[in-house]
Amino acid sequence: MSSFATYLIGFLILTIALGIAAYLLNIPSMWIVVGVVALIGIGVLMATNRTKMRDPADGSTRPPSSPTG
């Protein structure tokens, strides 16, 4: 399983737990849905950001040029 999927599954479990807690605190269901959708969006953004491929350290996108001697 990829690290993206693992991160997203963990975030979904957290979101579901927070939704249940909000329900038990008698928060209106419309606001629970809004919060859950927002948290899922944040989770996808965070998982993508943490698991994306990093750029090379020098910042260049082309191979180094050979010396012309």
C-alpha atoms as a PDB file:
ATOM      1  CA  MET A   1       0.000   0.000   0.000  1.00  0.00           C
ATOM      2  CA  SER A   2       1.392   3.404  -0.927  1.00  0.00           C
ATOM      3  CA  SER A   3       2.173   6.031   1.675  1.00  0.00           C
ATOM      4  CA  PHE A   4      -0.486   8.257   0.056  1.00  0.00           C
ATOM      5  CA  ALA A   5      -3.182   5.649   0.673  1.00  0.00           C
ATOM      6  CA  THR A   6      -1.983   4.971   4.214  1.00  0.00           C
ATOM      7  CA  TYR A   7      -2.006   8.667   5.070  1.00  0.00           C
ATOM      8  CA  LEU A   8      -5.429   9.169   3.512  1.00  0.00           C
ATOM      9  CA  ILE A   9      -6.949   6.174   5.335  1.00  0.00           C
ATOM     10  CA  GLY A  10      -5.655   7.488   8.660  1.00  0.00           C
ATOM     11  CA  PHE A  11      -7.030  10.941   7.946  1.00  0.00           C
ATOM     12  CA  LEU A  12     -10.427   9.471   6.989  1.00  0.00           C
ATOM     13  CA  ILE A  13     -10.571   7.558  10.277  1.00  0.00           C
ATOM     14  CA  LEU A  14      -9.797  10.785  12.142  1.00  0.00           C
ATOM     15  CA  THR A  15     -12.474  12.656  10.163  1.00  0.00           C
ATOM     16  CA  ILE A  16     -15.102  10.007  10.894  1.00  0.00           C
ATOM     17  CA  ALA A  17     -14.246  10.097  14.602  1.00  0.00           C
ATOM     18  CA  LEU A  18     -14.585  13.885  14.674  1.00  0.00           C
ATOM     19  CA  GLY A  19     -17.921  13.650  12.832  1.00  0.00           C
ATOM     20  CA  ILE A  20     -19.249  11.168  15.382  1.00  0.00           C
ATOM     21  CA  ALA A  21     -18.066  13.386  18.234  1.00  0.00           C
ATOM     22  CA  ALA A  22     -19.812  16.376  16.660  1.00  0.00           C
ATOM     23  CA  TYR A  23     -23.009  14.320  16.330  1.00  0.00           C
ATOM     24  CA  LEU A  24     -22.838  13.327  19.998  1.00  0.00           C
ATOM     25  CA  LEU A  25     -22.434  17.010  20.915  1.00  0.00           C
ATOM     26  CA  ASN A  26     -25.726  17.743  19.070  1.00  0.00           C
ATOM     27  CA  ILE A  27     -24.150  19.909  16.374  1.00  0.00           C
ATOM     28  CA  PRO A  28     -26.540  20.346  13.414  1.00  0.00           C
ATOM     29  CA  SER A  29     -25.953  17.704  10.736  1.00  0.00           C
ATOM     30  CA  MET A  30     -25.515  20.303   8.003  1.00  0.00           C
ATOM     31  CA  TRP A  31     -22.443  21.697   9.785  1.00  0.00           C
ATOM     32  CA  ILE A  32     -21.090  18.194  10.377  1.00  0.00           C
ATOM     33  CA  VAL A  33     -21.277  17.510   6.634  1.00  0.00           C
ATOM     34  CA  VAL A  34     -19.550  20.815   5.849  1.00  0.00           C
ATOM     35  CA  GLY A  35     -16.781  20.008   8.332  1.00  0.00           C
ATOM     36  CA  VAL A  36     -16.308  16.471   7.035  1.00  0.00           C
ATOM     37  CA  VAL A  37     -16.059  17.633   3.414  1.00  0.00           C
ATOM     38  CA  ALA A  38     -13.563  20.337   4.379  1.00  0.00           C
ATOM     39  CA  LEU A  39     -11.452  17.885   6.388  1.00  0.00           C
ATOM     40  CA  ILE A  40     -11.397  15.355   3.535  1.00  0.00           C
ATOM     41  CA  GLY A  41     -10.206  18.096   1.183  1.00  0.00           C
ATOM     42  CA  ILE A  42      -7.486  19.123   3.613  1.00  0.00           C
ATOM     43  CA  GLY A  43      -6.473  15.478   4.012  1.00  0.00           C
ATOM     44  CA  VAL A  44      -6.080  14.969   0.261  1.00  0.00           C
ATOM     45  CA  LEU A  45      -4.012  18.148  -0.022  1.00  0.00           C
ATOM     46  CA  MET A  46      -1.768  17.154   2.878  1.00  0.00           C
ATOM     47  CA  ALA A  47      -1.326  13.580   1.622  1.00  0.00           C
ATOM     48  CA  THR A  48      -0.433  14.814  -1.857  1.00  0.00           C
ATOM     49  CA  ASN A  49       2.000  17.343  -0.474  1.00  0.00           C
ATOM     50  CA  ARG A  50       3.736  14.799   1.761  1.00  0.00           C
ATOM     51  CA  THR A  51       4.051  12.080  -0.874  1.00  0.00           C
ATOM     52  CA  LYS A  52       4.861  14.017  -4.061  1.00  0.00           C
ATOM     53  CA  MET A  53       8.185  13.468  -5.784  1.00  0.00           C
ATOM     54  CA  ARG A  54      10.818  15.989  -4.750  1.00  0.00           C
ATOM     55  CA  ASP A  55      12.710  18.086  -7.266  1.00  0.00           C
ATOM     56  CA  PRO A  56      16.448  17.537  -7.731  1.00  0.00           C
ATOM     57  CA  ALA A  57      18.600  19.270  -5.133  1.00  0.00           C
ATOM     58  CA  ASP A  58      20.204  21.679  -7.607  1.00  0.00           C
ATOM     59  CA  GLY A  59      16.861  22.754  -9.046  1.00  0.00           C
ATOM     60  CA  SER A  60      17.755  22.083 -12.680  1.00  0.00           C
ATOM     61  CA  THR A  61      15.481  20.050 -14.910  1.00  0.00           C
ATOM     62  CA  ARG A  62      17.959  19.284 -17.683  1.00  0.00           C
ATOM     63  CA  PRO A  63      21.003  17.022 -17.515  1.00  0.00           C
ATOM     64  CA  PRO A  64      24.381  18.671 -16.916  1.00  0.00           C
ATOM     65  CA  SER A  65      26.193  19.771 -20.047  1.00  0.00           C
ATOM     66  CA  SER A  66      29.398  18.036 -21.030  1.00  0.00           C
ATOM     67  CA  PRO A  67      32.591  20.082 -21.018  1.00  0.00           C
ATOM     68  CA  THR A  68      33.684  21.330 -24.415  1.00  0.00           C
ATOM     69  CA  GLY A  69      37.389  21.175 -24.243  1.00  0.00           C
END
